[in-house]
Protein backbone atom coordinates (compact mmCIF):
# COMPACT_ATOMS: atom_id res chain seq x y z
CA UNK A 1 116.98 55.83 131.37
CA UNK A 2 114.02 54.12 133.01
CA UNK A 3 113.65 50.39 133.49
CA UNK A 4 111.02 50.26 130.73
CA UNK A 5 113.33 51.98 128.28
CA UNK A 6 116.23 49.74 129.19
CA UNK A 7 114.05 46.68 128.64
CA UNK A 8 112.82 47.97 125.25
CA UNK A 9 116.32 49.27 124.10
CA UNK A 10 117.56 47.22 121.13
CA UNK A 11 121.07 48.60 121.47
CA UNK A 12 121.81 47.09 124.87
CA UNK A 13 121.79 48.03 128.49
CA UNK A 14 124.75 50.44 128.33
CA UNK A 15 124.17 52.06 124.94
CA UNK A 16 121.57 54.77 124.19
CA UNK A 17 120.81 56.81 121.05
CA UNK A 18 119.92 59.87 123.17
CA UNK A 19 122.09 62.20 125.19
CA UNK A 20 120.86 62.82 128.69
CA UNK A 21 122.01 65.68 130.97
CA UNK A 22 123.78 64.46 134.07
CA UNK A 23 122.12 66.89 136.43
CA UNK A 24 118.62 65.60 135.69
CA UNK A 25 117.66 63.46 138.71
CA UNK A 26 114.71 61.53 137.26
CA UNK A 27 115.73 60.86 133.59
CA UNK A 28 112.61 58.70 133.06
CA UNK A 29 110.27 61.70 133.40
CA UNK A 30 110.28 62.78 129.77
CA UNK A 31 107.07 64.74 130.10
CA UNK A 32 108.75 67.60 132.05
CA UNK A 33 110.28 70.54 130.29
CA UNK A 34 113.70 71.82 131.10
CA UNK A 35 112.23 74.53 133.33
CA UNK A 36 110.38 71.91 135.35
CA UNK A 37 113.49 69.73 135.55
CA UNK A 38 115.42 72.62 136.98
CA UNK A 39 112.76 73.22 139.50
CA UNK A 40 112.84 69.54 140.48
CA UNK A 41 116.66 69.70 140.85
CA UNK A 42 116.50 72.74 143.05
CA UNK A 43 113.99 71.08 145.41
CA UNK A 44 115.62 67.66 145.37
CA UNK A 45 117.61 68.24 148.56
CA UNK A 46 114.75 67.69 150.92
CA UNK A 47 111.21 66.47 150.91
CA UNK A 48 108.52 68.52 149.13
CA UNK A 49 106.24 70.29 151.51
CA UNK A 50 103.74 71.42 148.95
CA UNK A 51 101.44 68.75 147.55
CA UNK A 52 101.07 68.52 143.73
CA UNK A 53 98.09 70.25 142.32
CA UNK A 54 95.10 68.29 140.98
CA UNK A 55 95.66 69.60 137.48
CA UNK A 56 99.28 68.52 137.51
CA UNK A 57 98.44 65.10 138.89
CA UNK A 58 95.74 64.56 136.19
CA UNK A 59 98.10 65.77 133.47
CA UNK A 60 100.92 63.56 134.64
CA UNK A 61 98.62 60.53 134.79
CA UNK A 62 97.14 61.12 131.35
CA UNK A 63 100.12 62.18 129.29
CA UNK A 64 103.10 60.41 130.80
CA UNK A 65 104.67 57.89 128.50
CA UNK A 66 108.13 56.26 128.06
CA UNK A 67 110.58 57.69 125.55
CA UNK A 68 110.17 56.51 121.97
CA UNK A 69 112.53 53.90 120.51
CA UNK A 70 115.20 54.84 117.99
CA UNK A 71 113.83 55.52 114.47
CA UNK A 72 116.38 53.58 112.43
CA UNK A 73 116.35 49.98 113.78
CA UNK A 74 112.97 48.24 113.83
CA UNK A 75 111.73 47.12 117.27
CA UNK A 76 111.76 43.39 118.03
CA UNK A 77 108.09 43.40 119.02
CA UNK A 78 106.15 45.91 116.95
CA UNK A 79 103.11 47.38 118.68
CA UNK A 80 99.99 48.50 116.85
CA UNK A 81 99.11 52.12 116.93
CA UNK A 82 95.69 51.55 118.40
CA UNK A 83 97.30 49.65 121.30
CA UNK A 84 99.61 52.60 122.05
CA UNK A 85 96.74 54.64 123.52
CA UNK A 86 97.02 55.30 127.22
CA UNK A 87 94.58 54.10 129.73
CA UNK A 88 93.16 56.34 132.40
CA UNK A 89 92.37 55.42 135.96
CA UNK A 90 88.88 55.87 137.26
CA UNK A 91 89.25 57.85 140.44
CA UNK A 92 85.97 56.54 141.80
CA UNK A 93 86.33 52.73 141.42
CA UNK A 94 90.06 52.34 140.66
CA UNK A 95 89.42 50.33 137.41
CA UNK A 96 91.49 50.61 134.28
CA UNK A 97 89.50 52.02 131.26
CA UNK A 98 90.63 52.71 127.73
CA UNK A 99 90.66 56.31 126.65
CA UNK A 100 87.83 55.60 124.17
CA UNK A 101 85.46 54.47 126.99
CA UNK A 102 84.97 57.60 129.00
CA UNK A 103 82.06 58.62 131.10
CA UNK A 104 79.91 61.68 130.60
CA UNK A 105 81.56 64.23 132.88
CA UNK A 106 82.72 67.76 132.71
CA UNK A 107 86.45 67.59 132.00
CA UNK A 108 88.89 69.74 133.79
CA UNK A 109 91.40 70.99 131.34
CA UNK A 110 94.94 71.96 132.25
CA UNK A 111 96.27 75.47 131.60
CA UNK A 112 97.36 76.31 128.09
CA UNK A 113 100.99 76.69 129.23
CA UNK A 114 101.09 73.09 130.53
CA UNK A 115 103.62 70.91 128.70
CA UNK A 116 102.31 68.46 126.18
CA UNK A 117 103.97 65.29 124.96
CA UNK A 118 102.91 62.76 122.41
CA UNK A 119 102.59 59.20 123.53
CA UNK A 120 105.00 56.75 121.96
CA UNK A 121 104.45 53.17 120.84
CA UNK A 122 106.27 51.74 123.81
CA UNK A 123 104.85 49.54 126.56
CA UNK A 124 101.61 50.70 128.17
CA UNK A 125 101.75 52.26 131.60
CA UNK A 126 99.14 52.84 134.25
CA UNK A 127 97.96 56.39 134.62
CA UNK A 128 98.48 58.20 137.93
CA UNK A 129 96.65 60.92 139.67
CA UNK A 130 92.96 61.53 140.40
CA UNK A 131 92.11 63.22 137.09
CA UNK A 132 89.59 61.55 134.72
CA UNK A 133 89.44 61.46 130.99
CA UNK A 134 87.47 64.16 129.21
CA UNK A 135 84.89 62.12 127.25
CA UNK A 136 81.40 63.16 126.31
CA UNK A 137 78.58 60.59 126.28
CA UNK A 138 76.30 60.41 123.22
CA UNK A 139 72.73 61.30 123.93
CA UNK A 140 70.11 58.58 123.45
CA UNK A 141 67.46 58.98 120.76
CA UNK A 142 64.54 58.87 123.20
CA UNK A 143 65.81 61.23 125.93
CA UNK A 144 66.83 64.30 123.98
CA UNK A 145 64.95 66.69 126.23
CA UNK A 146 66.58 65.47 129.42
CA UNK A 147 70.15 64.95 128.14
CA UNK A 148 71.53 68.28 129.42
CA UNK A 149 70.01 67.83 132.87
CA UNK A 150 71.28 64.23 133.12
CA UNK A 151 74.74 65.32 131.98
CA UNK A 152 74.89 68.13 134.54
CA UNK A 153 73.69 65.77 137.27
CA UNK A 154 76.26 63.15 136.33
CA UNK A 155 78.99 65.77 136.31
CA UNK A 156 78.03 66.92 139.82
CA UNK A 157 78.05 63.33 141.03
CA UNK A 158 81.45 62.76 139.48
CA UNK A 159 82.83 65.83 141.21
CA UNK A 160 81.49 64.59 144.49
CA UNK A 161 83.20 61.24 143.88
CA UNK A 162 86.63 62.74 143.43
CA UNK A 163 88.92 61.70 146.27
CA UNK A 164 91.60 63.96 147.58
CA UNK A 165 95.12 62.63 147.15
CA UNK A 166 97.16 62.33 150.33
CA UNK A 167 100.31 64.39 150.57
CA UNK A 168 103.48 62.63 149.40
CA UNK A 169 106.18 61.92 151.90
CA UNK A 170 109.28 64.02 152.13
CA UNK A 171 111.90 63.36 149.55
CA UNK A 172 109.54 61.54 147.23
CA UNK A 173 109.62 64.19 144.51
CA UNK A 174 108.38 63.33 141.11
CA UNK A 175 108.45 59.61 141.94
CA UNK A 176 105.47 60.06 144.23
CA UNK A 177 103.43 61.35 141.29
CA UNK A 178 104.08 58.16 139.35
CA UNK A 179 102.59 55.87 141.98
CA UNK A 180 98.93 54.77 141.30
CA UNK A 181 96.18 56.10 143.54
CA UNK A 182 94.10 53.51 145.37
CA UNK A 183 90.65 53.83 147.00
CA UNK A 184 89.73 52.30 150.25
CA UNK A 185 86.70 50.01 150.70
CA UNK A 186 84.42 52.74 152.12
CA UNK A 187 85.06 55.05 149.13
CA UNK A 188 84.57 52.22 146.68
CA UNK A 189 81.23 51.24 148.22
CA UNK A 190 80.05 54.82 148.16
CA UNK A 191 81.00 55.08 144.52
CA UNK A 192 79.11 51.91 143.60
CA UNK A 193 76.03 53.03 145.47
CA UNK A 194 76.01 56.40 143.70
CA UNK A 195 76.47 54.77 140.34
CA UNK A 196 73.64 52.31 141.07
CA UNK A 197 71.30 55.15 142.03
CA UNK A 198 72.18 56.99 138.84
CA UNK A 199 71.49 53.88 136.78
CA UNK A 200 68.16 53.37 138.53
CA UNK A 201 67.13 56.96 137.69
CA UNK A 202 68.06 56.42 134.04
CA UNK A 203 66.08 53.17 134.01
CA UNK A 204 63.04 54.89 135.46
CA UNK A 205 63.36 57.68 132.89
CA UNK A 206 63.54 55.15 130.02
CA UNK A 207 60.53 53.21 131.35
CA UNK A 208 58.55 56.41 131.56
CA UNK A 209 59.42 57.26 127.97
CA UNK A 210 58.46 53.75 126.87
CA UNK A 211 55.09 54.05 128.51
CA UNK A 212 54.47 57.36 126.75
CA UNK A 213 55.41 55.88 123.37
CA UNK A 214 53.14 52.91 123.92
CA UNK A 215 50.28 55.20 124.88
CA UNK A 216 50.79 57.24 121.67
CA UNK A 217 50.92 53.99 119.61
CA UNK A 218 47.62 52.78 121.13
CA UNK A 219 46.02 56.16 120.55
CA UNK A 220 47.04 56.23 116.86
CA UNK A 221 45.95 52.57 116.39
CA UNK A 222 42.53 53.42 117.84
CA UNK A 223 42.19 56.42 115.50
CA UNK A 224 43.06 54.28 112.49
CA UNK A 225 40.54 51.61 113.48
CA UNK A 226 37.85 54.25 113.84
CA UNK A 227 38.65 55.64 110.42
CA UNK A 228 38.35 52.17 108.85
CA UNK A 229 35.11 51.40 110.69
CA UNK A 230 33.48 54.68 109.77
CA UNK A 231 30.14 54.26 107.99
CA UNK A 232 29.47 55.46 104.47
CA UNK A 233 28.21 58.95 103.95
CA UNK A 234 24.95 59.79 102.24
CA UNK A 235 26.72 60.59 98.96
CA UNK A 236 28.44 57.21 99.00
CA UNK A 237 25.16 55.45 99.64
CA UNK A 238 23.56 57.26 96.72
CA UNK A 239 26.47 56.26 94.52
CA UNK A 240 26.03 52.58 95.40
CA UNK A 241 22.30 52.75 94.61
CA UNK A 242 22.99 54.34 91.20
CA UNK A 243 25.63 51.73 90.45
CA UNK A 244 23.17 48.85 91.25
CA UNK A 245 20.44 50.52 89.11
CA UNK A 246 22.68 50.90 86.06
CA UNK A 247 24.00 47.36 86.44
CA UNK A 248 20.44 45.99 86.38
CA UNK A 249 19.63 48.08 83.30
CA UNK A 250 22.77 46.85 81.54
CA UNK A 251 21.90 43.22 82.31
CA UNK A 252 18.34 43.71 80.96
CA UNK A 253 19.67 45.28 77.76
CA UNK A 254 22.11 42.39 77.20
CA UNK A 255 19.29 39.82 77.62
CA UNK A 256 17.17 41.77 75.13
CA UNK A 257 20.00 41.85 72.62
CA UNK A 258 20.46 38.08 72.91
CA UNK A 259 16.77 37.46 72.43
CA UNK A 260 16.57 39.69 69.33
CA UNK A 261 19.68 37.99 67.90
CA UNK A 262 18.12 34.54 68.33
CA UNK A 263 14.90 35.70 66.65
CA UNK A 264 16.87 37.24 63.81
CA UNK A 265 18.67 33.96 63.23
CA UNK A 266 15.41 32.07 62.95
CA UNK A 267 14.18 34.12 60.02
CA UNK A 268 12.91 32.18 56.99
CA UNK A 269 15.59 30.76 54.70
CA UNK A 270 14.08 32.54 51.71
CA UNK A 271 14.92 35.93 53.15
CA UNK A 272 18.52 34.79 53.70
CA UNK A 273 18.80 33.62 50.08
CA UNK A 274 17.53 36.96 48.76
CA UNK A 275 14.42 35.67 46.99
CA UNK A 276 12.35 38.41 48.46
CA UNK A 277 12.84 42.13 48.83
CA UNK A 278 13.16 41.84 52.63
CA UNK A 279 16.63 42.68 53.87
CA UNK A 280 18.21 40.33 56.36
CA UNK A 281 21.28 40.87 58.48
CA UNK A 282 22.92 37.67 59.71
CA UNK A 283 24.74 38.18 62.99
CA UNK A 284 27.97 36.55 63.94
CA UNK A 285 26.32 34.33 66.56
CA UNK A 286 23.73 33.06 64.06
CA UNK A 287 26.40 32.41 61.41
CA UNK A 288 28.47 30.42 63.94
CA UNK A 289 25.46 28.37 64.95
CA UNK A 290 24.60 27.63 61.35
CA UNK A 291 28.17 26.71 60.58
CA UNK A 292 28.29 24.33 63.55
CA UNK A 293 25.07 22.63 62.33
CA UNK A 294 26.53 22.21 58.85
CA UNK A 295 29.73 20.71 60.33
CA UNK A 296 27.71 18.23 62.32
CA UNK A 297 25.83 17.18 59.20
CA UNK A 298 29.10 16.81 57.34
CA UNK A 299 30.48 14.56 60.09
CA UNK A 300 27.38 12.39 60.03
CA UNK A 301 27.57 12.03 56.23
CA UNK A 302 31.23 11.12 56.46
CA UNK A 303 30.45 8.40 58.98
CA UNK A 304 27.69 7.01 56.76
CA UNK A 305 30.03 7.12 53.74
CA UNK A 306 32.59 5.09 55.69
CA UNK A 307 30.00 2.52 56.57
CA UNK A 308 28.95 2.23 52.91
CA UNK A 309 32.53 1.87 51.83
CA UNK A 310 32.91 -1.07 54.23
CA UNK A 311 29.74 -2.66 52.86
CA UNK A 312 30.92 -2.17 49.32
CA UNK A 313 34.25 -3.72 50.09
CA UNK A 314 32.62 -6.76 51.65
CA UNK A 315 30.37 -7.16 48.64
CA UNK A 316 33.25 -6.84 46.26
CA UNK A 317 35.11 -9.57 48.20
CA UNK A 318 32.02 -11.80 47.98
CA UNK A 319 31.62 -11.08 44.25
CA UNK A 320 35.28 -11.96 43.64
CA UNK A 321 34.78 -15.28 45.48
CA UNK A 322 31.67 -16.01 43.46
CA UNK A 323 33.51 -15.17 40.24
CA UNK A 324 36.29 -17.63 41.15
CA UNK A 325 33.73 -20.29 41.93
CA UNK A 326 31.90 -19.57 38.70
CA UNK A 327 35.09 -19.92 36.72
CA UNK A 328 35.74 -23.29 38.27
CA UNK A 329 32.20 -24.40 37.45
CA UNK A 330 32.53 -23.16 33.91
CA UNK A 331 35.70 -25.16 33.47
CA UNK A 332 34.06 -28.23 34.84
CA UNK A 333 31.01 -27.72 32.66
CA UNK A 334 33.13 -27.36 29.57
CA UNK A 335 35.01 -30.54 30.44
CA UNK A 336 31.70 -32.33 30.95
CA UNK A 337 30.45 -31.19 27.60
CA UNK A 338 33.55 -32.35 25.87
CA UNK A 339 33.28 -35.69 27.61
CA UNK A 340 29.67 -36.06 26.56
CA UNK A 341 30.64 -35.34 22.96
CA UNK A 342 33.30 -37.97 23.12
CA UNK A 343 30.92 -40.55 24.56
CA UNK A 344 28.30 -39.64 21.98
CA UNK A 345 30.85 -40.02 19.18
CA UNK A 346 31.94 -43.49 20.40
CA UNK A 347 30.07 -46.29 18.50
CA UNK A 348 27.65 -48.37 20.53
CA UNK A 349 26.90 -52.07 19.97
CA UNK A 350 23.23 -51.36 19.96
CA UNK A 351 23.68 -48.94 17.11
CA UNK A 352 25.25 -51.60 14.88
CA UNK A 353 22.73 -52.92 12.38
CA UNK A 354 22.75 -56.61 11.67
CA UNK A 355 23.16 -55.92 7.99
CA UNK A 356 26.38 -54.12 8.60
CA UNK A 357 25.26 -50.59 7.72
CA UNK A 358 26.36 -47.49 9.88
CA UNK A 359 23.72 -45.32 11.54
CA UNK A 360 23.07 -42.03 9.99
CA UNK A 361 23.50 -38.60 11.58
CA UNK A 362 19.82 -38.28 12.55
CA UNK A 363 19.93 -41.45 14.64
CA UNK A 364 23.10 -40.30 16.46
CA UNK A 365 21.49 -37.04 17.36
CA UNK A 366 18.43 -38.77 18.67
CA UNK A 367 20.53 -41.00 20.94
CA UNK A 368 22.28 -37.92 22.36
CA UNK A 369 18.99 -36.29 23.13
CA UNK A 370 17.78 -39.39 24.91
CA UNK A 371 20.87 -39.53 27.10
CA UNK A 372 20.70 -35.83 27.96
CA UNK A 373 17.03 -36.08 28.89
CA UNK A 374 17.75 -39.09 31.09
CA UNK A 375 20.54 -37.19 32.86
CA UNK A 376 18.30 -34.19 33.41
CA UNK A 377 15.52 -36.29 34.87
CA UNK A 378 17.92 -38.02 37.23
CA UNK A 379 19.35 -34.70 38.38
CA UNK A 380 15.89 -33.27 39.04
CA UNK A 381 14.88 -36.31 41.07
CA UNK A 382 18.05 -36.54 43.18
CA UNK A 383 19.20 -32.83 43.21
CA UNK A 384 22.67 -34.09 42.16
CA UNK A 385 24.37 -32.34 39.29
CA UNK A 386 27.01 -34.35 37.42
CA UNK A 387 29.65 -31.87 36.35
CA UNK A 388 32.27 -34.18 35.01
CA UNK A 389 32.85 -37.85 34.33
CA UNK A 390 36.24 -39.19 33.28
CA UNK A 391 37.98 -42.54 33.07
CA UNK A 392 41.34 -43.25 34.62
CA UNK A 393 43.41 -46.41 34.25
CA UNK A 394 45.28 -48.03 37.10
CA UNK A 395 49.03 -48.13 36.93
CA UNK A 396 49.61 -51.90 36.96
CA UNK A 397 46.25 -53.24 35.86
CA UNK A 398 43.73 -52.89 33.13
CA UNK A 399 40.94 -51.98 35.59
CA UNK A 400 39.18 -48.76 34.62
CA UNK A 401 38.37 -46.19 37.32
CA UNK A 402 35.59 -43.68 36.67
CA UNK A 403 35.61 -40.32 38.48
CA UNK A 404 32.33 -38.33 38.83
CA UNK A 405 32.36 -34.67 39.98
CA UNK A 406 29.01 -33.87 41.50
CA UNK A 407 27.24 -31.01 43.28
CA UNK A 408 24.30 -31.54 45.62
CA UNK A 409 22.04 -28.49 46.23
CA UNK A 410 19.24 -28.74 48.73
CA UNK A 411 17.42 -25.40 48.88
CA UNK A 412 19.38 -23.35 46.39
CA UNK A 413 21.46 -21.77 49.19
CA UNK A 414 23.30 -24.72 50.75
CA UNK A 415 25.35 -26.93 48.43
CA UNK A 416 27.96 -29.64 48.76
CA UNK A 417 30.60 -30.46 46.10
CA UNK A 418 32.11 -33.89 46.09
CA UNK A 419 33.67 -36.49 43.78
CA UNK A 420 32.95 -40.25 43.56
CA UNK A 421 35.55 -42.70 42.27
CA UNK A 422 34.44 -46.22 41.27
CA UNK A 423 36.92 -49.08 41.32
CA UNK A 424 37.11 -52.86 41.89
CA UNK A 425 38.80 -54.21 45.06
CA UNK A 426 39.66 -57.99 45.33
CA UNK A 427 37.74 -59.74 48.14
CA UNK A 428 38.65 -62.52 50.53
CA UNK A 429 37.32 -65.29 48.25
CA UNK A 430 39.10 -63.91 45.22
CA UNK A 431 36.04 -62.23 43.78
CA UNK A 432 36.40 -58.50 43.06
CA UNK A 433 34.07 -56.21 44.97
CA UNK A 434 33.02 -52.89 43.35
CA UNK A 435 33.53 -49.91 45.69
CA UNK A 436 33.12 -46.11 45.72
CA UNK A 437 35.59 -43.58 47.21
CA UNK A 438 34.05 -40.28 48.47
CA UNK A 439 36.10 -37.02 48.53
CA UNK A 440 34.56 -33.62 49.64
CA UNK A 441 35.09 -30.64 47.40
CA UNK A 442 34.14 -26.92 47.48
CA UNK A 443 31.57 -25.99 50.08
CA UNK A 444 29.26 -22.97 50.12
CA UNK A 445 29.71 -22.49 53.83
CA UNK A 446 32.97 -23.14 55.63
CA UNK A 447 31.73 -22.16 59.10
CA UNK A 448 32.35 -24.47 62.07
CA UNK A 449 28.59 -24.97 62.48
CA UNK A 450 28.21 -26.24 58.92
CA UNK A 451 31.22 -28.53 59.27
CA UNK A 452 29.75 -30.06 62.45
CA UNK A 453 26.50 -30.50 60.59
CA UNK A 454 28.18 -32.50 57.80
CA UNK A 455 29.67 -34.90 60.29
CA UNK A 456 31.63 -37.62 58.42
CA UNK A 457 30.69 -36.11 55.00
CA UNK A 458 33.38 -33.51 55.65
CA UNK A 459 36.12 -36.13 55.36
CA UNK A 460 37.03 -38.84 52.80
CA UNK A 461 35.71 -42.38 53.15
CA UNK A 462 34.86 -45.48 51.07
CA UNK A 463 31.87 -47.73 50.84
CA UNK A 464 30.49 -50.47 48.60
CA UNK A 465 28.74 -49.58 45.41
CA UNK A 466 25.54 -51.33 46.44
CA UNK A 467 25.25 -48.73 49.29
CA UNK A 468 24.84 -45.76 46.98
CA UNK A 469 21.21 -45.40 47.94
CA UNK A 470 22.21 -45.22 51.61
CA UNK A 471 24.81 -42.59 50.77
CA UNK A 472 22.23 -40.57 48.85
CA UNK A 473 19.77 -40.76 51.77
CA UNK A 474 22.51 -39.57 54.18
CA UNK A 475 23.34 -36.61 51.97
CA UNK A 476 19.68 -35.68 51.68
CA UNK A 477 18.93 -35.87 55.45
CA UNK A 478 22.12 -34.01 56.34
CA UNK A 479 21.58 -31.02 54.09
CA UNK A 480 17.75 -30.78 54.31
CA UNK A 481 16.97 -31.77 57.93
CA UNK A 482 19.76 -30.87 60.38
CA UNK A 483 17.98 -32.58 63.28
CA UNK A 484 18.26 -36.00 61.57
CA UNK A 485 21.93 -35.60 60.55
CA UNK A 486 23.22 -38.15 63.08
CA UNK A 487 23.87 -41.71 61.90
């Protein structure tokens, strides 16, 4: 067994699952058939004088592999199938290349009777010999026409780069075939130069094809530009003129239709109501215009109606206030009438006759008429209306206090309601002084301007009874002449 097989054997260094014949000199050469082994044994006594053929060297370098491991026990380090491929040696530059990366050369196949062996998954070994892998290079898409010539030229260059293998020494045998071939520096430089020249030629060919493609592209672009910039033909020009003519006619017809429609909508209203025998057709545009006019009128009438409603509401509020004031005045008037009746019914000392007889009903009625006429004359002269007059007694004294409810009206629009209370107040010397207490009542105008105009008449105050004429003059000047209202 070889050193590689012994290193990979899981059974040990002395055990082996295969039986090997004892007369086989090189047991590691599993690629040889029994006939070849016998030939090797027969010539093993002395050195081989005949060098190995190129085909045999290429075959040995490409297909030699170590013996496979035993099938039953699993290997300690499993190797992937894609890593089990052999690598070939480039005879020109001495580099290791995978079998998949092969150059475009004409392969030299071995005879059909040459032994074949399948590579095992064992450790990878370096190929020997000056043979090269038979791999075809895919043609590029742009150089289809020159692919065959380039392939033939590359094949010729590869054949020229093949280096003859030196003869093995005597007694080397099959072991000499397993040694890797090496190139000297001169051969390696020559190989690099030839490869560089070949690459330069390919580059020039690709550049030439690129220039041709660019020229075709520019030519086609120029043709397309000329097609787009081509002027219209005579037929196309006539078509454009006809289109413009018909568009102008269509626009004129539409304007005429609009004009006739507007004239039709302005026909007399009698024809629309059917009062004459003339037929009238109302268009949709005229109907819409008339409807919009009616809607505008309706909106205006609604706005006016809202304004009138507001005015009516204000007037109703004013009327309700006046009604309340009228009710108060009616109550006061009724009380005044009752009071006048009571006073008229009370006997007077002047009415007592010295002979002790009572006045008759005619005399009493005459006295009432006299008093009412006197009151009316006083009211007309002073513009003060006496609504009520009542007598009130003080709580702890027999002093009578008379209360007069009055209304002063200056011009029939501005009025001032107030009450006057007469009473006696003791003075410093023990003599009672008659006084009058003023209290404002209902006012016709409660605005701030009117209140400022009244000045102190808007609040309560007291004064002596002998100053009633001064009070009356103040009331008169305040309500009739606003400029003289100040005291």
